Amino acid sequence: MYSERLLDHFQNPRNVGELPPPAVTVEVSNPACGDLLRLSAEVREGRVAKACYKTRGCTASIAAGSALTEWLIGKTAAEIASLRPAHIEESVGGLSNESKHAAMLCVDAARALVEHLRRGDIR
């Protein structure tokens, strides 16, 4: 049902937690299933230097959040804005139709982060 990569991210999640200020934290949810993703990012010299997350949700959402934090490291606002669900799906080795919401949750969090970057909330 789940790929080896997805199970690895679920069983050994990367970058779990929350970063203190000056990092910015955004929170998004999927009202249909109730999954919630809280994403923190610290930016230095225009690139994400650290990223952490907390997820309340299904196996796929937990794994996708882990993959998202790995993907974010080193990215600029423009690169983050280009994130698509397919990037997250590929990072976790694919998602079933029932689990595709997990990738969209990550995209929503990335978009919220980009809004903060564009407003100058983080540098």
PDB file of N, CA and C in Angstrom:
ATOM      1  N   MET A   1       0.816  -1.196   0.000  1.00  0.00           N
ATOM      2  CA  MET A   1       0.000   0.000   0.000  1.00  0.00           C
ATOM      3  C   MET A   1       0.863   1.264   0.000  1.00  0.00           C
ATOM      4  N   TYR A   2       1.881   1.322   0.863  1.00  0.00           N
ATOM      5  CA  TYR A   2       2.783   2.473   0.912  1.00  0.00           C
ATOM      6  C   TYR A   2       4.157   2.073   0.386  1.00  0.00           C
ATOM      7  N   SER A   3       4.833   3.016  -0.252  1.00  0.00           N
ATOM      8  CA  SER A   3       6.175   2.754  -0.768  1.00  0.00           C
ATOM      9  C   SER A   3       7.177   2.671   0.384  1.00  0.00           C
ATOM     10  N   GLU A   4       8.342   2.100   0.090  1.00  0.00           N
ATOM     11  CA  GLU A   4       9.409   2.030   1.097  1.00  0.00           C
ATOM     12  C   GLU A   4       9.848   3.422   1.533  1.00  0.00           C
ATOM     13  N   ARG A   5       9.940   4.356   0.574  1.00  0.00           N
ATOM     14  CA  ARG A   5      10.356   5.724   0.917  1.00  0.00           C
ATOM     15  C   ARG A   5       9.341   6.401   1.830  1.00  0.00           C
ATOM     16  N   LEU A   6       8.049   6.221   1.538  1.00  0.00           N
ATOM     17  CA  LEU A   6       7.020   6.821   2.371  1.00  0.00           C
ATOM     18  C   LEU A   6       7.099   6.236   3.784  1.00  0.00           C
ATOM     19  N   LEU A   7       7.217   4.930   3.888  1.00  0.00           N
ATOM     20  CA  LEU A   7       7.304   4.307   5.203  1.00  0.00           C
ATOM     21  C   LEU A   7       8.553   4.752   5.958  1.00  0.00           C
ATOM     22  N   ASP A   8       9.649   4.957   5.241  1.00  0.00           N
ATOM     23  CA  ASP A   8      10.864   5.445   5.886  1.00  0.00           C
ATOM     24  C   ASP A   8      10.649   6.841   6.465  1.00  0.00           C
ATOM     25  N   HIS A   9      10.018   7.736   5.690  1.00  0.00           N
ATOM     26  CA  HIS A   9       9.730   9.087   6.194  1.00  0.00           C
ATOM     27  C   HIS A   9       8.754   9.040   7.366  1.00  0.00           C
ATOM     28  N   PHE A  10       7.824   8.107   7.334  1.00  0.00           N
ATOM     29  CA  PHE A  10       6.861   7.986   8.432  1.00  0.00           C
ATOM     30  C   PHE A  10       7.522   7.432   9.694  1.00  0.00           C
ATOM     31  N   GLN A  11       8.305   6.391   9.534  1.00  0.00           N
ATOM     32  CA  GLN A  11       8.924   5.741  10.690  1.00  0.00           C
ATOM     33  C   GLN A  11      10.145   6.486  11.210  1.00  0.00           C
ATOM     34  N   ASN A  12      10.795   7.246  10.347  1.00  0.00           N
ATOM     35  CA  ASN A  12      11.996   8.007  10.708  1.00  0.00           C
ATOM     36  C   ASN A  12      11.849   9.440  10.206  1.00  0.00           C
ATOM     37  N   PRO A  13      10.865  10.159  10.711  1.00  0.00           N
ATOM     38  CA  PRO A  13      10.610  11.502  10.180  1.00  0.00           C
ATOM     39  C   PRO A  13      11.804  12.431  10.407  1.00  0.00           C
ATOM     40  N   ARG A  14      12.065  13.227   9.399  1.00  0.00           N
ATOM     41  CA  ARG A  14      13.159  14.189   9.460  1.00  0.00           C
ATOM     42  C   ARG A  14      12.612  15.546   9.899  1.00  0.00           C
ATOM     43  N   ASN A  15      13.433  16.281  10.630  1.00  0.00           N
ATOM     44  CA  ASN A  15      13.161  17.687  10.939  1.00  0.00           C
ATOM     45  C   ASN A  15      11.849  17.915  11.676  1.00  0.00           C
ATOM     46  N   VAL A  16      11.538  17.059  12.634  1.00  0.00           N
ATOM     47  CA  VAL A  16      10.321  17.216  13.422  1.00  0.00           C
ATOM     48  C   VAL A  16      10.541  18.282  14.480  1.00  0.00           C
ATOM     49  N   GLY A  17       9.557  19.133  14.667  1.00  0.00           N
ATOM     50  CA  GLY A  17       9.622  20.151  15.704  1.00  0.00           C
ATOM     51  C   GLY A  17       9.222  21.505  15.177  1.00  0.00           C
ATOM     52  N   GLU A  18       9.626  22.503  15.923  1.00  0.00           N
ATOM     53  CA  GLU A  18       9.312  23.874  15.563  1.00  0.00           C
ATOM     54  C   GLU A  18      10.534  24.736  15.864  1.00  0.00           C
ATOM     55  N   LEU A  19      10.840  25.641  14.972  1.00  0.00           N
ATOM     56  CA  LEU A  19      11.989  26.524  15.141  1.00  0.00           C
ATOM     57  C   LEU A  19      11.556  27.800  15.858  1.00  0.00           C
ATOM     58  N   PRO A  20      12.402  28.323  16.753  1.00  0.00           N
ATOM     59  CA  PRO A  20      12.072  29.563  17.450  1.00  0.00           C
ATOM     60  C   PRO A  20      12.295  30.767  16.536  1.00  0.00           C
ATOM     61  N   PRO A  21      11.708  31.927  16.883  1.00  0.00           N
ATOM     62  CA  PRO A  21      11.990  33.143  16.115  1.00  0.00           C
ATOM     63  C   PRO A  21      13.491  33.387  16.080  1.00  0.00           C
ATOM     64  N   PRO A  22      13.994  33.882  14.977  1.00  0.00           N
ATOM     65  CA  PRO A  22      13.299  34.620  13.924  1.00  0.00           C
ATOM     66  C   PRO A  22      12.669  33.759  12.836  1.00  0.00           C
ATOM     67  N   ALA A  23      12.671  32.442  13.005  1.00  0.00           N
ATOM     68  CA  ALA A  23      11.988  31.595  12.023  1.00  0.00           C
ATOM     69  C   ALA A  23      10.505  31.938  12.036  1.00  0.00           C
ATOM     70  N   VAL A  24       9.880  31.720  10.911  1.00  0.00           N
ATOM     71  CA  VAL A  24       8.445  31.953  10.788  1.00  0.00           C
ATOM     72  C   VAL A  24       7.749  30.605  10.742  1.00  0.00           C
ATOM     73  N   THR A  25       6.603  30.531  11.383  1.00  0.00           N
ATOM     74  CA  THR A  25       5.819  29.302  11.403  1.00  0.00           C
ATOM     75  C   THR A  25       4.472  29.569  10.750  1.00  0.00           C
ATOM     76  N   VAL A  26       4.087  28.686   9.844  1.00  0.00           N
ATOM     77  CA  VAL A  26       2.777  28.756   9.195  1.00  0.00           C
ATOM     78  C   VAL A  26       2.036  27.461   9.504  1.00  0.00           C
ATOM     79  N   GLU A  27       0.719  27.528   9.456  1.00  0.00           N
ATOM     80  CA  GLU A  27      -0.086  26.353   9.721  1.00  0.00           C
ATOM     81  C   GLU A  27      -1.199  26.277   8.695  1.00  0.00           C
ATOM     82  N   VAL A  28      -1.364  25.102   8.122  1.00  0.00           N
ATOM     83  CA  VAL A  28      -2.426  24.872   7.140  1.00  0.00           C
ATOM     84  C   VAL A  28      -3.151  23.582   7.505  1.00  0.00           C
ATOM     85  N   SER A  29      -4.374  23.484   7.027  1.00  0.00           N
ATOM     86  CA  SER A  29      -5.138  22.269   7.296  1.00  0.00           C
ATOM     87  C   SER A  29      -5.972  21.894   6.086  1.00  0.00           C
ATOM     88  N   ASN A  30      -6.371  20.642   6.078  1.00  0.00           N
ATOM     89  CA  ASN A  30      -7.263  20.141   5.053  1.00  0.00           C
ATOM     90  C   ASN A  30      -8.610  19.947   5.731  1.00  0.00           C
ATOM     91  N   PRO A  31      -9.572  20.827   5.460  1.00  0.00           N
ATOM     92  CA  PRO A  31     -10.850  20.717   6.160  1.00  0.00           C
ATOM     93  C   PRO A  31     -11.620  19.434   5.850  1.00  0.00           C
ATOM     94  N   ALA A  32     -11.340  18.815   4.719  1.00  0.00           N
ATOM     95  CA  ALA A  32     -12.055  17.596   4.352  1.00  0.00           C
ATOM     96  C   ALA A  32     -11.663  16.416   5.233  1.00  0.00           C
ATOM     97  N   CYS A  33     -10.366  16.300   5.547  1.00  0.00           N
ATOM     98  CA  CYS A  33      -9.916  15.137   6.326  1.00  0.00           C
ATOM     99  C   CYS A  33      -9.440  15.518   7.726  1.00  0.00           C
ATOM    100  N   GLY A  34      -9.198  16.806   7.960  1.00  0.00           N
ATOM    101  CA  GLY A  34      -8.766  17.259   9.277  1.00  0.00           C
ATOM    102  C   GLY A  34      -7.270  17.250   9.502  1.00  0.00           C
ATOM    103  N   ASP A  35      -6.480  16.843   8.522  1.00  0.00           N
ATOM    104  CA  ASP A  35      -5.026  16.856   8.683  1.00  0.00           C
ATOM    105  C   ASP A  35      -4.533  18.285   8.853  1.00  0.00           C
ATOM    106  N   LEU A  36      -3.506  18.453   9.670  1.00  0.00           N
ATOM    107  CA  LEU A  36      -2.941  19.761   9.959  1.00  0.00           C
ATOM    108  C   LEU A  36      -1.425  19.693   9.818  1.00  0.00           C
ATOM    109  N   LEU A  37      -0.833  20.702   9.183  1.00  0.00           N
ATOM    110  CA  LEU A  37       0.620  20.775   9.015  1.00  0.00           C
ATOM    111  C   LEU A  37       1.097  22.130   9.503  1.00  0.00           C
ATOM    112  N   ARG A  38       2.024  22.101  10.453  1.00  0.00           N
ATOM    113  CA  ARG A  38       2.652  23.309  10.985  1.00  0.00           C
ATOM    114  C   ARG A  38       4.095  23.282  10.507  1.00  0.00           C
ATOM    115  N   LEU A  39       4.497  24.301   9.745  1.00  0.00           N
ATOM    116  CA  LEU A  39       5.812  24.361   9.118  1.00  0.00           C
ATOM    117  C   LEU A  39       6.573  25.574   9.627  1.00  0.00           C
ATOM    118  N   SER A  40       7.805  25.359  10.086  1.00  0.00           N
ATOM    119  CA  SER A  40       8.695  26.441  10.515  1.00  0.00           C
ATOM    120  C   SER A  40       9.890  26.486   9.579  1.00  0.00           C
ATOM    121  N   ALA A  41      10.320  27.699   9.243  1.00  0.00           N
ATOM    122  CA  ALA A  41      11.491  27.841   8.377  1.00  0.00           C
ATOM    123  C   ALA A  41      12.338  29.021   8.820  1.00  0.00           C
ATOM    124  N   GLU A  42      13.633  28.792   8.781  1.00  0.00           N
ATOM    125  CA  GLU A  42      14.610  29.845   9.050  1.00  0.00           C
ATOM    126  C   GLU A  42      15.319  30.129   7.734  1.00  0.00           C
ATOM    127  N   VAL A  43      15.363  31.396   7.363  1.00  0.00           N
ATOM    128  CA  VAL A  43      15.958  31.784   6.088  1.00  0.00           C
ATOM    129  C   VAL A  43      17.198  32.629   6.355  1.00  0.00           C
ATOM    130  N   ARG A  44      18.259  32.291   5.654  1.00  0.00           N
ATOM    131  CA  ARG A  44      19.499  33.071   5.706  1.00  0.00           C
ATOM    132  C   ARG A  44      19.937  33.354   4.282  1.00  0.00           C
ATOM    133  N   GLU A  45      20.252  34.595   4.035  1.00  0.00           N
ATOM    134  CA  GLU A  45      20.734  35.018   2.717  1.00  0.00           C
ATOM    135  C   GLU A  45      19.797  34.581   1.597  1.00  0.00           C
ATOM    136  N   GLY A  46      18.489  34.677   1.863  1.00  0.00           N
ATOM    137  CA  GLY A  46      17.497  34.410   0.834  1.00  0.00           C
ATOM    138  C   GLY A  46      17.176  32.948   0.572  1.00  0.00           C
ATOM    139  N   ARG A  47      17.737  32.047   1.382  1.00  0.00           N
ATOM    140  CA  ARG A  47      17.488  30.611   1.187  1.00  0.00           C
ATOM    141  C   ARG A  47      17.083  29.977   2.512  1.00  0.00           C
ATOM    142  N   VAL A  48      16.257  28.966   2.440  1.00  0.00           N
ATOM    143  CA  VAL A  48      15.855  28.239   3.648  1.00  0.00           C
ATOM    144  C   VAL A  48      17.077  27.501   4.190  1.00  0.00           C
ATOM    145  N   ALA A  49      17.439  27.843   5.418  1.00  0.00           N
ATOM    146  CA  ALA A  49      18.590  27.216   6.062  1.00  0.00           C
ATOM    147  C   ALA A  49      18.155  26.029   6.922  1.00  0.00           C
ATOM    148  N   LYS A  50      16.991  26.150   7.554  1.00  0.00           N
ATOM    149  CA  LYS A  50      16.446  25.084   8.391  1.00  0.00           C
ATOM    150  C   LYS A  50      14.942  25.053   8.186  1.00  0.00           C
ATOM    151  N   ALA A  51      14.383  23.865   8.273  1.00  0.00           N
ATOM    152  CA  ALA A  51      12.931  23.712   8.203  1.00  0.00           C
ATOM    153  C   ALA A  51      12.524  22.585   9.140  1.00  0.00           C
ATOM    154  N   CYS A  52      11.445  22.796   9.867  1.00  0.00           N
ATOM    155  CA  CYS A  52      10.893  21.792  10.765  1.00  0.00           C
ATOM    156  C   CYS A  52       9.390  21.740  10.573  1.00  0.00           C
ATOM    157  N   TYR A  53       8.794  20.635  11.005  1.00  0.00           N
ATOM    158  CA  TYR A  53       7.356  20.501  10.862  1.00  0.00           C
ATOM    159  C   TYR A  53       6.761  19.681  11.995  1.00  0.00           C
ATOM    160  N   LYS A  54       5.484  19.870  12.172  1.00  0.00           N
ATOM    161  CA  LYS A  54       4.656  19.028  13.027  1.00  0.00           C
ATOM    162  C   LYS A  54       3.399  18.735  12.222  1.00  0.00           C
ATOM    163  N   THR A  55       2.956  17.501  12.264  1.00  0.00           N
ATOM    164  CA  THR A  55       1.760  17.115  11.526  1.00  0.00           C
ATOM    165  C   THR A  55       0.828  16.343  12.435  1.00  0.00           C
ATOM    166  N   ARG A  56      -0.439  16.667  12.322  1.00  0.00           N
ATOM    167  CA  ARG A  56      -1.480  15.835  12.918  1.00  0.00           C
ATOM    168  C   ARG A  56      -2.275  15.300  11.739  1.00  0.00           C
ATOM    169  N   GLY A  57      -2.112  14.030  11.495  1.00  0.00           N
ATOM    170  CA  GLY A  57      -2.796  13.465  10.345  1.00  0.00           C
ATOM    171  C   GLY A  57      -2.417  12.027  10.092  1.00  0.00           C
ATOM    172  N   CYS A  58      -2.685  11.617   8.888  1.00  0.00           N
ATOM    173  CA  CYS A  58      -2.484  10.225   8.486  1.00  0.00           C
ATOM    174  C   CYS A  58      -1.006   9.939   8.201  1.00  0.00           C
ATOM    175  N   THR A  59      -0.724   8.681   7.963  1.00  0.00           N
ATOM    176  CA  THR A  59       0.627   8.220   7.649  1.00  0.00           C
ATOM    177  C   THR A  59       1.219   9.017   6.488  1.00  0.00           C
ATOM    178  N   ALA A  60       0.439   9.195   5.430  1.00  0.00           N
ATOM    179  CA  ALA A  60       0.932   9.911   4.251  1.00  0.00           C
ATOM    180  C   ALA A  60       1.253  11.365   4.564  1.00  0.00           C
ATOM    181  N   SER A  61       0.429  12.025   5.371  1.00  0.00           N
ATOM    182  CA  SER A  61       0.682  13.432   5.711  1.00  0.00           C
ATOM    183  C   SER A  61       1.929  13.590   6.569  1.00  0.00           C
ATOM    184  N   ILE A  62       2.142  12.665   7.472  1.00  0.00           N
ATOM    185  CA  ILE A  62       3.354  12.710   8.299  1.00  0.00           C
ATOM    186  C   ILE A  62       4.591  12.518   7.425  1.00  0.00           C
ATOM    187  N   ALA A  63       4.550  11.539   6.543  1.00  0.00           N
ATOM    188  CA  ALA A  63       5.681  11.279   5.648  1.00  0.00           C
ATOM    189  C   ALA A  63       5.903  12.441   4.687  1.00  0.00           C
ATOM    190  N   ALA A  64       4.835  12.999   4.158  1.00  0.00           N
ATOM    191  CA  ALA A  64       4.953  14.111   3.208  1.00  0.00           C
ATOM    192  C   ALA A  64       5.556  15.342   3.875  1.00  0.00           C
ATOM    193  N   GLY A  65       5.185  15.606   5.122  1.00  0.00           N
ATOM    194  CA  GLY A  65       5.767  16.737   5.849  1.00  0.00           C
ATOM    195  C   GLY A  65       7.270  16.568   6.020  1.00  0.00           C
ATOM    196  N   SER A  66       7.693  15.362   6.311  1.00  0.00           N
ATOM    197  CA  SER A  66       9.121  15.064   6.436  1.00  0.00           C
ATOM    198  C   SER A  66       9.833  15.328   5.107  1.00  0.00           C
ATOM    199  N   ALA A  67       9.255  14.824   4.027  1.00  0.00           N
ATOM    200  CA  ALA A  67       9.845  15.028   2.699  1.00  0.00           C
ATOM    201  C   ALA A  67       9.877  16.513   2.334  1.00  0.00           C
ATOM    202  N   LEU A  68       8.829  17.237   2.703  1.00  0.00           N
ATOM    203  CA  LEU A  68       8.779  18.673   2.415  1.00  0.00           C
ATOM    204  C   LEU A  68       9.943  19.407   3.062  1.00  0.00           C
ATOM    205  N   THR A  69      10.224  19.108   4.326  1.00  0.00           N
ATOM    206  CA  THR A  69      11.309  19.826   4.993  1.00  0.00           C
ATOM    207  C   THR A  69      12.648  19.556   4.317  1.00  0.00           C
ATOM    208  N   GLU A  70      12.871  18.329   3.887  1.00  0.00           N
ATOM    209  CA  GLU A  70      14.112  18.031   3.171  1.00  0.00           C
ATOM    210  C   GLU A  70      14.171  18.794   1.852  1.00  0.00           C
ATOM    211  N   TRP A  71      13.067  18.866   1.161  1.00  0.00           N
ATOM    212  CA  TRP A  71      13.013  19.551  -0.137  1.00  0.00           C
ATOM    213  C   TRP A  71      13.266  21.044   0.029  1.00  0.00           C
ATOM    214  N   LEU A  72      12.771  21.637   1.106  1.00  0.00           N
ATOM    215  CA  LEU A  72      12.861  23.085   1.305  1.00  0.00           C
ATOM    216  C   LEU A  72      14.283  23.598   1.533  1.00  0.00           C
ATOM    217  N   ILE A  73      15.133  22.800   2.151  1.00  0.00           N
ATOM    218  CA  ILE A  73      16.473  23.258   2.523  1.00  0.00           C
ATOM    219  C   ILE A  73      17.229  23.731   1.282  1.00  0.00           C
ATOM    220  N   GLY A  74      17.711  24.981   1.359  1.00  0.00           N
ATOM    221  CA  GLY A  74      18.487  25.563   0.272  1.00  0.00           C
ATOM    222  C   GLY A  74      17.663  26.278  -0.787  1.00  0.00           C
ATOM    223  N   LYS A  75      16.340  26.234  -0.671  1.00  0.00           N
ATOM    224  CA  LYS A  75      15.481  26.832  -1.708  1.00  0.00           C
ATOM    225  C   LYS A  75      15.228  28.311  -1.448  1.00  0.00           C
ATOM    226  N   THR A  76      15.043  29.062  -2.536  1.00  0.00           N
ATOM    227  CA  THR A  76      14.651  30.464  -2.492  1.00  0.00           C
ATOM    228  C   THR A  76      13.126  30.548  -2.543  1.00  0.00           C
ATOM    229  N   ALA A  77      12.592  31.752  -2.330  1.00  0.00           N
ATOM    230  CA  ALA A  77      11.140  31.942  -2.410  1.00  0.00           C
ATOM    231  C   ALA A  77      10.615  31.540  -3.784  1.00  0.00           C
ATOM    232  N   ALA A  78      11.323  31.906  -4.843  1.00  0.00           N
ATOM    233  CA  ALA A  78      10.886  31.558  -6.201  1.00  0.00           C
ATOM    234  C   ALA A  78      10.860  30.049  -6.397  1.00  0.00           C
ATOM    235  N   GLU A  79      11.854  29.366  -5.876  1.00  0.00           N
ATOM    236  CA  GLU A  79      11.884  27.908  -6.001  1.00  0.00           C
ATOM    237  C   GLU A  79      10.765  27.265  -5.189  1.00  0.00           C
ATOM    238  N   ILE A  80      10.519  27.793  -4.001  1.00  0.00           N
ATOM    239  CA  ILE A  80       9.453  27.254  -3.162  1.00  0.00           C
ATOM    240  C   ILE A  80       8.097  27.453  -3.848  1.00  0.00           C
ATOM    241  N   ALA A  81       7.923  28.600  -4.482  1.00  0.00           N
ATOM    242  CA  ALA A  81       6.663  28.881  -5.180  1.00  0.00           C
ATOM    243  C   ALA A  81       6.407  27.897  -6.313  1.00  0.00           C
ATOM    244  N   SER A  82       7.457  27.256  -6.799  1.00  0.00           N
ATOM    245  CA  SER A  82       7.299  26.309  -7.906  1.00  0.00           C
ATOM    246  C   SER A  82       6.903  24.908  -7.445  1.00  0.00           C
ATOM    247  N   LEU A  83       6.833  24.686  -6.124  1.00  0.00           N
ATOM    248  CA  LEU A  83       6.498  23.357  -5.605  1.00  0.00           C
ATOM    249  C   LEU A  83       5.121  22.913  -6.092  1.00  0.00           C
ATOM    250  N   ARG A  84       5.059  21.694  -6.564  1.00  0.00           N
ATOM    251  CA  ARG A  84       3.809  21.084  -7.023  1.00  0.00           C
ATOM    252  C   ARG A  84       3.601  19.767  -6.272  1.00  0.00           C
ATOM    253  N   PRO A  85       2.369  19.313  -6.171  1.00  0.00           N
ATOM    254  CA  PRO A  85       2.125  18.036  -5.487  1.00  0.00           C
ATOM    255  C   PRO A  85       2.987  16.901  -6.027  1.00  0.00           C
ATOM    256  N   ALA A  86       3.256  16.902  -7.314  1.00  0.00           N
ATOM    257  CA  ALA A  86       4.066  15.835  -7.910  1.00  0.00           C
ATOM    258  C   ALA A  86       5.465  15.767  -7.297  1.00  0.00           C
ATOM    259  N   HIS A  87       6.030  16.914  -6.886  1.00  0.00           N
ATOM    260  CA  HIS A  87       7.350  16.906  -6.249  1.00  0.00           C
ATOM    261  C   HIS A  87       7.308  16.097  -4.950  1.00  0.00           C
ATOM    262  N   ILE A  88       6.285  16.330  -4.152  1.00  0.00           N
ATOM    263  CA  ILE A  88       6.164  15.618  -2.876  1.00  0.00           C
ATOM    264  C   ILE A  88       5.849  14.147  -3.124  1.00  0.00           C
ATOM    265  N   GLU A  89       4.947  13.887  -4.057  1.00  0.00           N
ATOM    266  CA  GLU A  89       4.614  12.492  -4.377  1.00  0.00           C
ATOM    267  C   GLU A  89       5.864  11.721  -4.784  1.00  0.00           C
ATOM    268  N   GLU A  90       6.690  12.340  -5.612  1.00  0.00           N
ATOM    269  CA  GLU A  90       7.925  11.684  -6.048  1.00  0.00           C
ATOM    270  C   GLU A  90       8.868  11.465  -4.869  1.00  0.00           C
ATOM    271  N   SER A  91       8.938  12.441  -3.973  1.00  0.00           N
ATOM    272  CA  SER A  91       9.839  12.345  -2.817  1.00  0.00           C
ATOM    273  C   SER A  91       9.503  11.184  -1.891  1.00  0.00           C
ATOM    274  N   VAL A  92       8.226  10.827  -1.838  1.00  0.00           N
ATOM    275  CA  VAL A  92       7.825   9.727  -0.955  1.00  0.00           C
ATOM    276  C   VAL A  92       7.564   8.430  -1.719  1.00  0.00           C
ATOM    277  N   GLY A  93       7.895   8.418  -2.993  1.00  0.00           N
ATOM    278  CA  GLY A  93       7.745   7.193  -3.781  1.00  0.00           C
ATOM    279  C   GLY A  93       6.335   6.927  -4.249  1.00  0.00           C
ATOM    280  N   GLY A  94       5.541   7.980  -4.340  1.00  0.00           N
ATOM    281  CA  GLY A  94       4.173   7.862  -4.835  1.00  0.00           C
ATOM    282  C   GLY A  94       3.143   7.869  -3.729  1.00  0.00           C
ATOM    283  N   LEU A  95       1.925   8.288  -4.092  1.00  0.00           N
ATOM    284  CA  LEU A  95       0.794   8.328  -3.168  1.00  0.00           C
ATOM    285  C   LEU A  95      -0.419   7.729  -3.847  1.00  0.00           C
ATOM    286  N   SER A  96      -1.201   7.000  -3.110  1.00  0.00           N
ATOM    287  CA  SER A  96      -2.453   6.472  -3.652  1.00  0.00           C
ATOM    288  C   SER A  96      -3.432   7.640  -3.827  1.00  0.00           C
ATOM    289  N   ASN A  97      -4.469   7.418  -4.583  1.00  0.00           N
ATOM    290  CA  ASN A  97      -5.476   8.466  -4.783  1.00  0.00           C
ATOM    291  C   ASN A  97      -6.044   8.950  -3.459  1.00  0.00           C
ATOM    292  N   GLU A  98      -6.219   8.049  -2.512  1.00  0.00           N
ATOM    293  CA  GLU A  98      -6.768   8.404  -1.210  1.00  0.00           C
ATOM    294  C   GLU A  98      -5.807   9.245  -0.373  1.00  0.00           C
ATOM    295  N   SER A  99      -4.530   9.241  -0.727  1.00  0.00           N
ATOM    296  CA  SER A  99      -3.510   9.946   0.059  1.00  0.00           C
ATOM    297  C   SER A  99      -2.956  11.186  -0.623  1.00  0.00           C
ATOM    298  N   LYS A 100      -3.428  11.510  -1.798  1.00  0.00           N
ATOM    299  CA  LYS A 100      -2.888  12.656  -2.536  1.00  0.00           C
ATOM    300  C   LYS A 100      -3.091  13.982  -1.802  1.00  0.00           C
ATOM    301  N   HIS A 101      -4.058  14.023  -0.890  1.00  0.00           N
ATOM    302  CA  HIS A 101      -4.281  15.238  -0.114  1.00  0.00           C
ATOM    303  C   HIS A 101      -3.030  15.624   0.689  1.00  0.00           C
ATOM    304  N   ALA A 102      -2.203  14.650   1.043  1.00  0.00           N
ATOM    305  CA  ALA A 102      -0.995  14.914   1.819  1.00  0.00           C
ATOM    306  C   ALA A 102      -0.029  15.805   1.036  1.00  0.00           C
ATOM    307  N   ALA A 103       0.116  15.558  -0.247  1.00  0.00           N
ATOM    308  CA  ALA A 103       0.991  16.386  -1.083  1.00  0.00           C
ATOM    309  C   ALA A 103       0.429  17.795  -1.209  1.00  0.00           C
ATOM    310  N   MET A 104      -0.891  17.905  -1.327  1.00  0.00           N
ATOM    311  CA  MET A 104      -1.506  19.230  -1.447  1.00  0.00           C
ATOM    312  C   MET A 104      -1.357  20.023  -0.153  1.00  0.00           C
ATOM    313  N   LEU A 105      -1.412  19.342   0.978  1.00  0.00           N
ATOM    314  CA  LEU A 105      -1.209  20.002   2.262  1.00  0.00           C
ATOM    315  C   LEU A 105       0.185  20.635   2.314  1.00  0.00           C
ATOM    316  N   CYS A 106       1.172  19.916   1.801  1.00  0.00           N
ATOM    317  CA  CYS A 106       2.542  20.445   1.748  1.00  0.00           C
ATOM    318  C   CYS A 106       2.638  21.653   0.826  1.00  0.00           C
ATOM    319  N   VAL A 107       1.986  21.586  -0.303  1.00  0.00           N
ATOM    320  CA  VAL A 107       1.987  22.717  -1.242  1.00  0.00           C
ATOM    321  C   VAL A 107       1.325  23.927  -0.589  1.00  0.00           C
ATOM    322  N   ASP A 108       0.229  23.717   0.108  1.00  0.00           N
ATOM    323  CA  ASP A 108      -0.445  24.820   0.797  1.00  0.00           C
ATOM    324  C   ASP A 108       0.475  25.468   1.832  1.00  0.00           C
ATOM    325  N   ALA A 109       1.216  24.652   2.571  1.00  0.00           N
ATOM    326  CA  ALA A 109       2.155  25.180   3.568  1.00  0.00           C
ATOM    327  C   ALA A 109       3.275  25.959   2.893  1.00  0.00           C
ATOM    328  N   ALA A 110       3.789  25.428   1.786  1.00  0.00           N
ATOM    329  CA  ALA A 110       4.847  26.123   1.054  1.00  0.00           C
ATOM    330  C   ALA A 110       4.350  27.473   0.531  1.00  0.00           C
ATOM    331  N   ARG A 111       3.126  27.518   0.027  1.00  0.00           N
ATOM    332  CA  ARG A 111       2.557  28.787  -0.465  1.00  0.00           C
ATOM    333  C   ARG A 111       2.407  29.798   0.668  1.00  0.00           C
ATOM    334  N   ALA A 112       1.969  29.330   1.838  1.00  0.00           N
ATOM    335  CA  ALA A 112       1.854  30.214   2.995  1.00  0.00           C
ATOM    336  C   ALA A 112       3.224  30.757   3.392  1.00  0.00           C
ATOM    337  N   LEU A 113       4.239  29.915   3.339  1.00  0.00           N
ATOM    338  CA  LEU A 113       5.599  30.341   3.642  1.00  0.00           C
ATOM    339  C   LEU A 113       6.068  31.397   2.645  1.00  0.00           C
ATOM    340  N   VAL A 114       5.799  31.179   1.373  1.00  0.00           N
ATOM    341  CA  VAL A 114       6.190  32.141   0.337  1.00  0.00           C
ATOM    342  C   VAL A 114       5.524  33.491   0.580  1.00  0.00           C
ATOM    343  N   GLU A 115       4.274  33.484   1.004  1.00  0.00           N
ATOM    344  CA  GLU A 115       3.591  34.754   1.304  1.00  0.00           C
ATOM    345  C   GLU A 115       4.339  35.521   2.388  1.00  0.00           C
ATOM    346  N   HIS A 116       4.801  34.830   3.419  1.00  0.00           N
ATOM    347  CA  HIS A 116       5.591  35.480   4.463  1.00  0.00           C
ATOM    348  C   HIS A 116       6.901  36.016   3.894  1.00  0.00           C
ATOM    349  N   LEU A 117       7.548  35.239   3.041  1.00  0.00           N
ATOM    350  CA  LEU A 117       8.798  35.680   2.425  1.00  0.00           C
ATOM    351  C   LEU A 117       8.579  36.948   1.597  1.00  0.00           C
ATOM    352  N   ARG A 118       7.537  36.957   0.823  1.00  0.00           N
ATOM    353  CA  ARG A 118       7.264  38.104  -0.060  1.00  0.00           C
ATOM    354  C   ARG A 118       6.870  39.348   0.724  1.00  0.00           C
ATOM    355  N   ARG A 119       6.253  39.161   1.894  1.00  0.00           N
ATOM    356  CA  ARG A 119       5.897  40.307   2.746  1.00  0.00           C
ATOM    357  C   ARG A 119       7.100  40.785   3.543  1.00  0.00           C
ATOM    358  N   GLY A 120       8.181  40.015   3.511  1.00  0.00           N
ATOM    359  CA  GLY A 120       9.373  40.414   4.253  1.00  0.00           C
ATOM    360  C   GLY A 120       9.348  40.003   5.716  1.00  0.00           C
ATOM    361  N   ASP A 121       8.468  39.059   6.083  1.00  0.00           N
ATOM    362  CA  ASP A 121       8.399  38.598   7.465  1.00  0.00           C
ATOM    363  C   ASP A 121       9.668  37.872   7.880  1.00  0.00           C
ATOM    364  N   ILE A 122      10.312  37.221   6.912  1.00  0.00           N
ATOM    365  CA  ILE A 122      11.580  36.548   7.192  1.00  0.00           C
ATOM    366  C   ILE A 122      12.580  36.941   6.128  1.00  0.00           C
ATOM    367  N   ARG A 123      13.813  36.893   6.468  1.00  0.00           N
ATOM    368  CA  ARG A 123      14.858  37.343   5.552  1.00  0.00           C
ATOM    369  C   ARG A 123      15.799  36.214   5.222  1.00  0.00           C
TER     370      ARG A 123
END
